[in-house]
C-alpha atoms as a PDB file:
ATOM      1  CA  UNK A   1      -2.430 -33.518  -5.014  1.00  0.00           C
ATOM      2  CA  UNK A   2      -4.700 -35.815  -3.058  1.00  0.00           C
ATOM      3  CA  UNK A   3      -6.514 -37.924  -5.676  1.00  0.00           C
ATOM      4  CA  UNK A   4      -9.479 -38.727  -3.401  1.00  0.00           C
ATOM      5  CA  UNK A   5     -12.783 -36.909  -3.695  1.00  0.00           C
ATOM      6  CA  UNK A   6     -13.017 -34.269  -0.972  1.00  0.00           C
ATOM      7  CA  UNK A   7     -16.078 -32.285   0.003  1.00  0.00           C
ATOM      8  CA  UNK A   8     -16.722 -30.013   2.929  1.00  0.00           C
ATOM      9  CA  UNK A   9     -20.252 -28.960   3.927  1.00  0.00           C
ATOM     10  CA  UNK A  10     -20.941 -26.070   6.244  1.00  0.00           C
ATOM     11  CA  UNK A  11     -23.843 -25.732   8.640  1.00  0.00           C
ATOM     12  CA  UNK A  12     -24.235 -22.007   8.121  1.00  0.00           C
ATOM     13  CA  UNK A  13     -27.167 -21.666   5.741  1.00  0.00           C
ATOM     14  CA  UNK A  14     -29.563 -20.561   8.453  1.00  0.00           C
ATOM     15  CA  UNK A  15     -27.231 -17.996  10.025  1.00  0.00           C
ATOM     16  CA  UNK A  16     -27.905 -14.320   9.200  1.00  0.00           C
ATOM     17  CA  UNK A  17     -24.628 -13.788   7.372  1.00  0.00           C
ATOM     18  CA  UNK A  18     -24.128 -11.553   4.330  1.00  0.00           C
ATOM     19  CA  UNK A  19     -22.240 -14.432   2.686  1.00  0.00           C
ATOM     20  CA  UNK A  20     -21.779 -18.102   3.542  1.00  0.00           C
ATOM     21  CA  UNK A  21     -20.312 -21.170   1.870  1.00  0.00           C
ATOM     22  CA  UNK A  22     -22.682 -24.117   1.577  1.00  0.00           C
ATOM     23  CA  UNK A  23     -20.107 -26.566   0.218  1.00  0.00           C
ATOM     24  CA  UNK A  24     -16.652 -26.670  -1.251  1.00  0.00           C
ATOM     25  CA  UNK A  25     -14.940 -29.634  -2.817  1.00  0.00           C
ATOM     26  CA  UNK A  26     -12.573 -31.377  -5.198  1.00  0.00           C
ATOM     27  CA  UNK A  27     -13.691 -34.067  -7.651  1.00  0.00           C
ATOM     28  CA  UNK A  28     -10.849 -36.064  -9.284  1.00  0.00           C
ATOM     29  CA  UNK A  29     -13.217 -37.722 -11.752  1.00  0.00           C
ATOM     30  CA  UNK A  30     -16.107 -35.403 -12.473  1.00  0.00           C
ATOM     31  CA  UNK A  31     -19.246 -37.253 -13.517  1.00  0.00           C
ATOM     32  CA  UNK A  32     -22.156 -36.110 -15.666  1.00  0.00           C
ATOM     33  CA  UNK A  33     -24.458 -33.701 -13.807  1.00  0.00           C
ATOM     34  CA  UNK A  34     -27.855 -32.527 -15.065  1.00  0.00           C
ATOM     35  CA  UNK A  35     -29.926 -30.006 -13.117  1.00  0.00           C
ATOM     36  CA  UNK A  36     -32.998 -28.887 -15.103  1.00  0.00           C
ATOM     37  CA  UNK A  37     -34.111 -26.787 -12.109  1.00  0.00           C
ATOM     38  CA  UNK A  38     -30.637 -25.497 -11.308  1.00  0.00           C
ATOM     39  CA  UNK A  39     -28.992 -25.482  -7.880  1.00  0.00           C
ATOM     40  CA  UNK A  40     -30.332 -23.729  -4.782  1.00  0.00           C
ATOM     41  CA  UNK A  41     -27.172 -21.627  -4.227  1.00  0.00           C
ATOM     42  CA  UNK A  42     -24.675 -19.726  -6.337  1.00  0.00           C
ATOM     43  CA  UNK A  43     -22.441 -22.365  -7.889  1.00  0.00           C
ATOM     44  CA  UNK A  44     -18.812 -21.982  -8.963  1.00  0.00           C
ATOM     45  CA  UNK A  45     -17.102 -24.749 -10.986  1.00  0.00           C
ATOM     46  CA  UNK A  46     -13.535 -24.683 -12.313  1.00  0.00           C
ATOM     47  CA  UNK A  47     -11.264 -27.155 -14.079  1.00  0.00           C
ATOM     48  CA  UNK A  48      -8.022 -28.428 -12.566  1.00  0.00           C
ATOM     49  CA  UNK A  49      -7.199 -30.987 -15.262  1.00  0.00           C
ATOM     50  CA  UNK A  50      -8.774 -32.497 -18.351  1.00  0.00           C
ATOM     51  CA  UNK A  51     -11.711 -30.884 -20.124  1.00  0.00           C
ATOM     52  CA  UNK A  52     -15.429 -30.684 -19.595  1.00  0.00           C
ATOM     53  CA  UNK A  53     -18.432 -29.124 -21.258  1.00  0.00           C
ATOM     54  CA  UNK A  54     -21.232 -27.195 -19.601  1.00  0.00           C
ATOM     55  CA  UNK A  55     -24.558 -26.270 -21.161  1.00  0.00           C
ATOM     56  CA  UNK A  56     -26.615 -23.365 -19.870  1.00  0.00           C
ATOM     57  CA  UNK A  57     -28.912 -20.798 -21.397  1.00  0.00           C
ATOM     58  CA  UNK A  58     -28.936 -22.697 -24.672  1.00  0.00           C
ATOM     59  CA  UNK A  59     -25.145 -22.341 -25.115  1.00  0.00           C
ATOM     60  CA  UNK A  60     -22.261 -24.756 -24.597  1.00  0.00           C
ATOM     61  CA  UNK A  61     -18.902 -23.850 -23.034  1.00  0.00           C
ATOM     62  CA  UNK A  62     -15.724 -25.910 -22.848  1.00  0.00           C
ATOM     63  CA  UNK A  63     -14.112 -25.834 -19.417  1.00  0.00           C
ATOM     64  CA  UNK A  64     -10.366 -26.210 -19.896  1.00  0.00           C
ATOM     65  CA  UNK A  65      -7.747 -25.638 -17.224  1.00  0.00           C
ATOM     66  CA  UNK A  66      -7.824 -21.978 -16.241  1.00  0.00           C
ATOM     67  CA  UNK A  67     -11.551 -21.578 -16.846  1.00  0.00           C
ATOM     68  CA  UNK A  68     -14.628 -21.657 -14.671  1.00  0.00           C
ATOM     69  CA  UNK A  69     -18.295 -20.821 -14.575  1.00  0.00           C
ATOM     70  CA  UNK A  70     -20.460 -18.992 -12.042  1.00  0.00           C
ATOM     71  CA  UNK A  71     -24.123 -19.996 -12.015  1.00  0.00           C
ATOM     72  CA  UNK A  72     -27.122 -18.211 -10.533  1.00  0.00           C
ATOM     73  CA  UNK A  73     -29.356 -20.118  -8.120  1.00  0.00           C
ATOM     74  CA  UNK A  74     -32.030 -21.888 -10.141  1.00  0.00           C
ATOM     75  CA  UNK A  75     -30.133 -21.606 -13.449  1.00  0.00           C
ATOM     76  CA  UNK A  76     -30.796 -24.781 -15.462  1.00  0.00           C
ATOM     77  CA  UNK A  77     -27.536 -26.439 -16.504  1.00  0.00           C
ATOM     78  CA  UNK A  78     -25.732 -29.688 -17.152  1.00  0.00           C
ATOM     79  CA  UNK A  79     -22.079 -30.610 -17.491  1.00  0.00           C
ATOM     80  CA  UNK A  80     -20.105 -33.641 -18.578  1.00  0.00           C
ATOM     81  CA  UNK A  81     -16.479 -34.678 -19.123  1.00  0.00           C
ATOM     82  CA  UNK A  82     -14.981 -34.413 -22.609  1.00  0.00           C
ATOM     83  CA  UNK A  83     -11.990 -36.563 -21.684  1.00  0.00           C
ATOM     84  CA  UNK A  84     -11.597 -39.785 -19.741  1.00  0.00           C
ATOM     85  CA  UNK A  85     -10.777 -37.816 -16.604  1.00  0.00           C
ATOM     86  CA  UNK A  86     -11.974 -34.347 -15.747  1.00  0.00           C
ATOM     87  CA  UNK A  87     -10.766 -32.878 -12.428  1.00  0.00           C
ATOM     88  CA  UNK A  88     -12.805 -30.059 -10.935  1.00  0.00           C
ATOM     89  CA  UNK A  89     -13.055 -27.808  -7.918  1.00  0.00           C
ATOM     90  CA  UNK A  90     -16.365 -26.326  -6.920  1.00  0.00           C
ATOM     91  CA  UNK A  91     -17.890 -24.015  -4.360  1.00  0.00           C
ATOM     92  CA  UNK A  92     -21.534 -23.250  -3.609  1.00  0.00           C
ATOM     93  CA  UNK A  93     -22.450 -20.167  -1.619  1.00  0.00           C
ATOM     94  CA  UNK A  94     -25.258 -17.802  -0.727  1.00  0.00           C
ATOM     95  CA  UNK A  95     -26.171 -15.217   1.873  1.00  0.00           C
ATOM     96  CA  UNK A  96     -28.494 -12.326   2.555  1.00  0.00           C
ATOM     97  CA  UNK A  97     -26.264  -9.915   0.629  1.00  0.00           C
ATOM     98  CA  UNK A  98     -24.844 -12.272  -2.017  1.00  0.00           C
ATOM     99  CA  UNK A  99     -26.850 -10.822  -4.890  1.00  0.00           C
ATOM    100  CA  UNK A 100     -26.206  -7.232  -3.815  1.00  0.00           C
ATOM    101  CA  UNK A 101     -22.451  -7.821  -3.475  1.00  0.00           C
ATOM    102  CA  UNK A 102     -22.243  -9.473  -6.894  1.00  0.00           C
ATOM    103  CA  UNK A 103     -24.144  -6.539  -8.355  1.00  0.00           C
ATOM    104  CA  UNK A 104     -21.962  -3.948  -6.635  1.00  0.00           C
ATOM    105  CA  UNK A 105     -18.813  -5.659  -7.917  1.00  0.00           C
ATOM    106  CA  UNK A 106     -20.317  -5.799 -11.407  1.00  0.00           C
ATOM    107  CA  UNK A 107     -19.888  -9.562 -11.633  1.00  0.00           C
ATOM    108  CA  UNK A 108     -22.134 -11.154 -14.266  1.00  0.00           C
ATOM    109  CA  UNK A 109     -23.426 -14.479 -13.007  1.00  0.00           C
ATOM    110  CA  UNK A 110     -24.287 -17.484 -15.137  1.00  0.00           C
ATOM    111  CA  UNK A 111     -21.160 -16.510 -17.028  1.00  0.00           C
ATOM    112  CA  UNK A 112     -18.038 -18.231 -18.320  1.00  0.00           C
ATOM    113  CA  UNK A 113     -14.767 -16.938 -16.865  1.00  0.00           C
ATOM    114  CA  UNK A 114     -11.142 -17.296 -17.937  1.00  0.00           C
ATOM    115  CA  UNK A 115      -7.992 -15.993 -16.264  1.00  0.00           C
ATOM    116  CA  UNK A 116      -4.262 -15.741 -16.829  1.00  0.00           C
ATOM    117  CA  UNK A 117      -1.930 -18.515 -15.786  1.00  0.00           C
ATOM    118  CA  UNK A 118      -0.580 -17.743 -12.345  1.00  0.00           C
ATOM    119  CA  UNK A 119      -3.555 -15.602 -11.326  1.00  0.00           C
ATOM    120  CA  UNK A 120      -4.394 -15.820  -7.621  1.00  0.00           C
ATOM    121  CA  UNK A 121      -7.944 -16.782  -8.549  1.00  0.00           C
ATOM    122  CA  UNK A 122      -6.719 -20.089  -9.964  1.00  0.00           C
ATOM    123  CA  UNK A 123      -5.564 -21.489  -6.629  1.00  0.00           C
ATOM    124  CA  UNK A 124      -8.013 -19.815  -4.287  1.00  0.00           C
ATOM    125  CA  UNK A 125     -10.672 -22.524  -3.987  1.00  0.00           C
ATOM    126  CA  UNK A 126      -8.090 -25.348  -3.626  1.00  0.00           C
ATOM    127  CA  UNK A 127      -6.301 -23.388  -0.895  1.00  0.00           C
ATOM    128  CA  UNK A 128      -9.571 -22.605   0.878  1.00  0.00           C
ATOM    129  CA  UNK A 129     -10.596 -26.265   0.830  1.00  0.00           C
ATOM    130  CA  UNK A 130      -7.267 -27.269   2.346  1.00  0.00           C
ATOM    131  CA  UNK A 131      -7.490 -24.607   5.042  1.00  0.00           C
ATOM    132  CA  UNK A 132     -11.033 -25.303   6.256  1.00  0.00           C
ATOM    133  CA  UNK A 133     -11.005 -29.085   6.126  1.00  0.00           C
ATOM    134  CA  UNK A 134      -9.605 -29.351   9.627  1.00  0.00           C
ATOM    135  CA  UNK A 135     -11.130 -26.232  11.178  1.00  0.00           C
ATOM    136  CA  UNK A 136     -14.543 -25.525  12.664  1.00  0.00           C
ATOM    137  CA  UNK A 137     -15.738 -21.973  12.185  1.00  0.00           C
ATOM    138  CA  UNK A 138     -18.917 -22.085  14.235  1.00  0.00           C
ATOM    139  CA  UNK A 139     -19.613 -18.374  13.854  1.00  0.00           C
ATOM    140  CA  UNK A 140     -19.202 -18.565  10.084  1.00  0.00           C
ATOM    141  CA  UNK A 141     -17.456 -15.205   9.998  1.00  0.00           C
ATOM    142  CA  UNK A 142     -14.105 -16.468   8.724  1.00  0.00           C
ATOM    143  CA  UNK A 143     -15.614 -18.351   5.810  1.00  0.00           C
ATOM    144  CA  UNK A 144     -17.877 -15.370   5.049  1.00  0.00           C
ATOM    145  CA  UNK A 145     -14.761 -13.233   4.623  1.00  0.00           C
ATOM    146  CA  UNK A 146     -13.229 -15.854   2.341  1.00  0.00           C
ATOM    147  CA  UNK A 147     -16.294 -15.914   0.072  1.00  0.00           C
ATOM    148  CA  UNK A 148     -16.034 -12.135  -0.282  1.00  0.00           C
ATOM    149  CA  UNK A 149     -12.336 -12.468  -1.051  1.00  0.00           C
ATOM    150  CA  UNK A 150     -13.145 -15.019  -3.742  1.00  0.00           C
ATOM    151  CA  UNK A 151     -15.603 -12.609  -5.357  1.00  0.00           C
ATOM    152  CA  UNK A 152     -13.050  -9.783  -5.338  1.00  0.00           C
ATOM    153  CA  UNK A 153     -10.496 -12.083  -6.985  1.00  0.00           C
ATOM    154  CA  UNK A 154     -13.081 -13.033  -9.588  1.00  0.00           C
ATOM    155  CA  UNK A 155     -13.552  -9.326 -10.248  1.00  0.00           C
ATOM    156  CA  UNK A 156      -9.801  -8.663 -10.392  1.00  0.00           C
ATOM    157  CA  UNK A 157      -8.520 -11.703 -12.314  1.00  0.00           C
ATOM    158  CA  UNK A 158     -11.549 -13.040 -14.174  1.00  0.00           C
ATOM    159  CA  UNK A 159     -12.303 -12.334 -17.819  1.00  0.00           C
ATOM    160  CA  UNK A 160     -15.841 -12.625 -19.160  1.00  0.00           C
ATOM    161  CA  UNK A 161     -16.248 -13.310 -22.884  1.00  0.00           C
ATOM    162  CA  UNK A 162     -12.461 -13.122 -23.270  1.00  0.00           C
ATOM    163  CA  UNK A 163     -12.450  -9.430 -22.338  1.00  0.00           C
ATOM    164  CA  UNK A 164      -9.357  -8.172 -20.445  1.00  0.00           C
ATOM    165  CA  UNK A 165      -9.413  -8.805 -16.703  1.00  0.00           C
ATOM    166  CA  UNK A 166      -9.530  -5.895 -14.278  1.00  0.00           C
ATOM    167  CA  UNK A 167      -5.886  -6.468 -13.319  1.00  0.00           C
ATOM    168  CA  UNK A 168      -4.878  -6.420 -17.004  1.00  0.00           C
ATOM    169  CA  UNK A 169      -6.844  -3.242 -17.630  1.00  0.00           C
ATOM    170  CA  UNK A 170      -5.217  -1.507 -14.658  1.00  0.00           C
ATOM    171  CA  UNK A 171      -1.797  -2.676 -15.835  1.00  0.00           C
ATOM    172  CA  UNK A 172      -2.440  -1.179 -19.281  1.00  0.00           C
ATOM    173  CA  UNK A 173      -3.501   2.066 -17.634  1.00  0.00           C
ATOM    174  CA  UNK A 174      -0.481   2.387 -15.324  1.00  0.00           C
ATOM    175  CA  UNK A 175       1.314   5.018 -17.499  1.00  0.00           C
ATOM    176  CA  UNK A 176      -1.889   7.073 -17.645  1.00  0.00           C
ATOM    177  CA  UNK A 177      -2.542   6.806 -13.898  1.00  0.00           C
ATOM    178  CA  UNK A 178       1.028   7.866 -13.134  1.00  0.00           C
ATOM    179  CA  UNK A 179       0.724  10.777 -15.591  1.00  0.00           C
ATOM    180  CA  UNK A 180      -2.526  11.957 -13.989  1.00  0.00           C
ATOM    181  CA  UNK A 181      -1.072  11.697 -10.502  1.00  0.00           C
ATOM    182  CA  UNK A 182       1.685  14.106 -11.594  1.00  0.00           C
ATOM    183  CA  UNK A 183      -0.388  16.451 -13.764  1.00  0.00           C
ATOM    184  CA  UNK A 184      -3.895  16.535 -12.242  1.00  0.00           C
ATOM    185  CA  UNK A 185      -3.308  20.231 -11.431  1.00  0.00           C
ATOM    186  CA  UNK A 186      -2.954  21.125 -15.125  1.00  0.00           C
ATOM    187  CA  UNK A 187      -6.377  22.344 -16.266  1.00  0.00           C
ATOM    188  CA  UNK A 188      -5.374  21.773 -19.913  1.00  0.00           C
ATOM    189  CA  UNK A 189      -5.020  17.981 -19.527  1.00  0.00           C
ATOM    190  CA  UNK A 190      -7.542  16.267 -21.798  1.00  0.00           C
ATOM    191  CA  UNK A 191      -8.508  12.889 -23.200  1.00  0.00           C
ATOM    192  CA  UNK A 192      -5.998  13.093 -26.052  1.00  0.00           C
ATOM    193  CA  UNK A 193      -3.122  13.684 -23.629  1.00  0.00           C
ATOM    194  CA  UNK A 194      -4.140  10.659 -21.565  1.00  0.00           C
ATOM    195  CA  UNK A 195      -4.539   8.426 -24.621  1.00  0.00           C
ATOM    196  CA  UNK A 196      -1.058   9.306 -25.870  1.00  0.00           C
ATOM    197  CA  UNK A 197       0.438   8.072 -22.600  1.00  0.00           C
ATOM    198  CA  UNK A 198      -0.982   4.605 -23.239  1.00  0.00           C
ATOM    199  CA  UNK A 199      -0.403   4.790 -27.019  1.00  0.00           C
ATOM    200  CA  UNK A 200      -4.050   3.979 -27.719  1.00  0.00           C
ATOM    201  CA  UNK A 201      -7.076   5.807 -29.101  1.00  0.00           C
ATOM    202  CA  UNK A 202      -9.240   7.925 -26.771  1.00  0.00           C
ATOM    203  CA  UNK A 203     -12.116   5.530 -27.370  1.00  0.00           C
ATOM    204  CA  UNK A 204     -10.026   2.520 -26.332  1.00  0.00           C
ATOM    205  CA  UNK A 205      -8.786   4.466 -23.318  1.00  0.00           C
ATOM    206  CA  UNK A 206     -12.351   5.053 -22.148  1.00  0.00           C
ATOM    207  CA  UNK A 207     -13.119   1.363 -22.674  1.00  0.00           C
ATOM    208  CA  UNK A 208     -10.208   0.390 -20.397  1.00  0.00           C
ATOM    209  CA  UNK A 209     -11.224   2.932 -17.757  1.00  0.00           C
ATOM    210  CA  UNK A 210     -14.793   1.633 -17.759  1.00  0.00           C
ATOM    211  CA  UNK A 211     -13.546  -1.939 -17.392  1.00  0.00           C
ATOM    212  CA  UNK A 212     -11.162  -0.999 -14.577  1.00  0.00           C
ATOM    213  CA  UNK A 213     -13.070   1.696 -12.688  1.00  0.00           C
ATOM    214  CA  UNK A 214     -16.592   1.792 -14.098  1.00  0.00           C
ATOM    215  CA  UNK A 215     -16.159   5.343 -15.411  1.00  0.00           C
ATOM    216  CA  UNK A 216     -14.619   7.331 -18.259  1.00  0.00           C
ATOM    217  CA  UNK A 217     -11.050   8.616 -18.121  1.00  0.00           C
ATOM    218  CA  UNK A 218     -12.218  12.218 -17.606  1.00  0.00           C
ATOM    219  CA  UNK A 219     -14.580  11.200 -14.787  1.00  0.00           C
ATOM    220  CA  UNK A 220     -11.607   9.462 -13.116  1.00  0.00           C
ATOM    221  CA  UNK A 221      -9.567  12.684 -13.442  1.00  0.00           C
ATOM    222  CA  UNK A 222     -12.348  14.724 -11.819  1.00  0.00           C
ATOM    223  CA  UNK A 223     -12.544  12.300  -8.882  1.00  0.00           C
ATOM    224  CA  UNK A 224      -8.753  12.416  -8.532  1.00  0.00           C
ATOM    225  CA  UNK A 225      -8.861  16.221  -8.404  1.00  0.00           C
ATOM    226  CA  UNK A 226     -11.585  16.137  -5.768  1.00  0.00           C
ATOM    227  CA  UNK A 227      -9.614  13.653  -3.663  1.00  0.00           C
ATOM    228  CA  UNK A 228      -6.545  15.890  -3.835  1.00  0.00           C
ATOM    229  CA  UNK A 229      -8.717  18.874  -2.904  1.00  0.00           C
ATOM    230  CA  UNK A 230     -10.011  17.083   0.195  1.00  0.00           C
ATOM    231  CA  UNK A 231      -6.436  16.299   1.227  1.00  0.00           C
ATOM    232  CA  UNK A 232      -5.421  19.956   0.801  1.00  0.00           C
ATOM    233  CA  UNK A 233      -8.412  21.322   2.716  1.00  0.00           C
ATOM    234  CA  UNK A 234      -7.728  18.927   5.578  1.00  0.00           C
ATOM    235  CA  UNK A 235      -3.986  19.584   5.750  1.00  0.00           C
ATOM    236  CA  UNK A 236      -4.112  23.349   5.037  1.00  0.00           C
ATOM    237  CA  UNK A 237      -7.187  24.792   6.766  1.00  0.00           C
ATOM    238  CA  UNK A 238      -6.171  28.388   6.007  1.00  0.00           C
ATOM    239  CA  UNK A 239      -6.038  27.851   2.248  1.00  0.00           C
ATOM    240  CA  UNK A 240      -8.971  29.494   0.468  1.00  0.00           C
ATOM    241  CA  UNK A 241     -11.405  27.505  -1.672  1.00  0.00           C
ATOM    242  CA  UNK A 242     -10.266  29.510  -4.702  1.00  0.00           C
ATOM    243  CA  UNK A 243      -6.647  28.564  -4.033  1.00  0.00           C
ATOM    244  CA  UNK A 244      -7.546  24.916  -3.605  1.00  0.00           C
ATOM    245  CA  UNK A 245      -9.593  24.826  -6.817  1.00  0.00           C
ATOM    246  CA  UNK A 246      -6.690  26.267  -8.826  1.00  0.00           C
ATOM    247  CA  UNK A 247      -4.153  23.884  -7.304  1.00  0.00           C
ATOM    248  CA  UNK A 248      -6.187  20.810  -8.299  1.00  0.00           C
ATOM    249  CA  UNK A 249      -6.864  21.821 -11.902  1.00  0.00           C
ATOM    250  CA  UNK A 250     -10.224  23.620 -11.912  1.00  0.00           C
ATOM    251  CA  UNK A 251     -10.372  26.775 -14.050  1.00  0.00           C
ATOM    252  CA  UNK A 252     -12.667  28.628 -11.637  1.00  0.00           C
ATOM    253  CA  UNK A 253     -13.846  28.219  -8.078  1.00  0.00           C
ATOM    254  CA  UNK A 254     -17.566  28.143  -8.895  1.00  0.00           C
ATOM    255  CA  UNK A 255     -17.128  25.091 -11.125  1.00  0.00           C
ATOM    256  CA  UNK A 256     -15.093  23.432  -8.388  1.00  0.00           C
ATOM    257  CA  UNK A 257     -17.749  24.122  -5.741  1.00  0.00           C
ATOM    258  CA  UNK A 258     -20.579  22.837  -7.974  1.00  0.00           C
ATOM    259  CA  UNK A 259     -18.665  19.681  -8.907  1.00  0.00           C
ATOM    260  CA  UNK A 260     -17.637  19.027  -5.297  1.00  0.00           C
ATOM    261  CA  UNK A 261     -21.198  19.441  -4.029  1.00  0.00           C
ATOM    262  CA  UNK A 262     -22.635  17.170  -6.719  1.00  0.00           C
ATOM    263  CA  UNK A 263     -20.134  14.411  -5.919  1.00  0.00           C
ATOM    264  CA  UNK A 264     -19.878  14.719  -2.119  1.00  0.00           C
ATOM    265  CA  UNK A 265     -23.309  16.036  -1.174  1.00  0.00           C
ATOM    266  CA  UNK A 266     -21.775  18.993   0.712  1.00  0.00           C
ATOM    267  CA  UNK A 267     -19.910  22.150  -0.292  1.00  0.00           C
ATOM    268  CA  UNK A 268     -16.125  22.356   0.146  1.00  0.00           C
ATOM    269  CA  UNK A 269     -16.616  24.691   3.130  1.00  0.00           C
ATOM    270  CA  UNK A 270     -19.050  22.267   4.752  1.00  0.00           C
ATOM    271  CA  UNK A 271     -16.592  19.414   4.149  1.00  0.00           C
ATOM    272  CA  UNK A 272     -13.825  21.440   5.786  1.00  0.00           C
ATOM    273  CA  UNK A 273     -16.038  22.108   8.822  1.00  0.00           C
ATOM    274  CA  UNK A 274     -16.887  18.416   9.135  1.00  0.00           C
ATOM    275  CA  UNK A 275     -13.243  17.373   8.972  1.00  0.00           C
END
């Protein structure tokens, strides 16, 4: 590890990009920072070594190794080392679609994040800093992609308020997902059957599904059935809608047609014509 302070500024703030990085850097000896008016961009800060403390929104958080914080533009905050040496990585970013992308991914900002040891998120900013230090991306497109990748990793690996990360939730749900992929055609499959596969309560199962996919377990099953139906209608154009509905687990064709239209905006027959 290079012990010298490194910081890379971009010149992309005025370009009409959905995402851009304003700065990215490594600080081997993080000093006290106080910003009563916040920072003008989204601000990510994570600990490499030592410990620090950040204050925001009237609460204090300890930033150990494997933790970080994502701050909204204009969010008042201050941070300081708790040990003689506190090593940090940071990245500031913005863009015309930054807020919308964070909202779509369901990422709470001005929040404290943790992640598992070995998670890809842990080394992303250091690797990005190393890769762009000697390159000039005048269009800004490459770095825009990397900011989006960072946000997806934060969604996948990050834990807010010590809740399970998305990757952990999906891992817990693997037996259920495999079960549904084999038995989606069984119209008798219910929440209890799914919960037994994961050896958890139905309520906990729904909690994991909402964390992983933003929906209940049964809603996931319905979407799976509709996806399978679209595959069948595309591959087997002579199959009737009634046949398709039965093969993907719907008890009657009218329920299938109503559900399909509500979700897709077109009827199954219209979908088949389009595709």
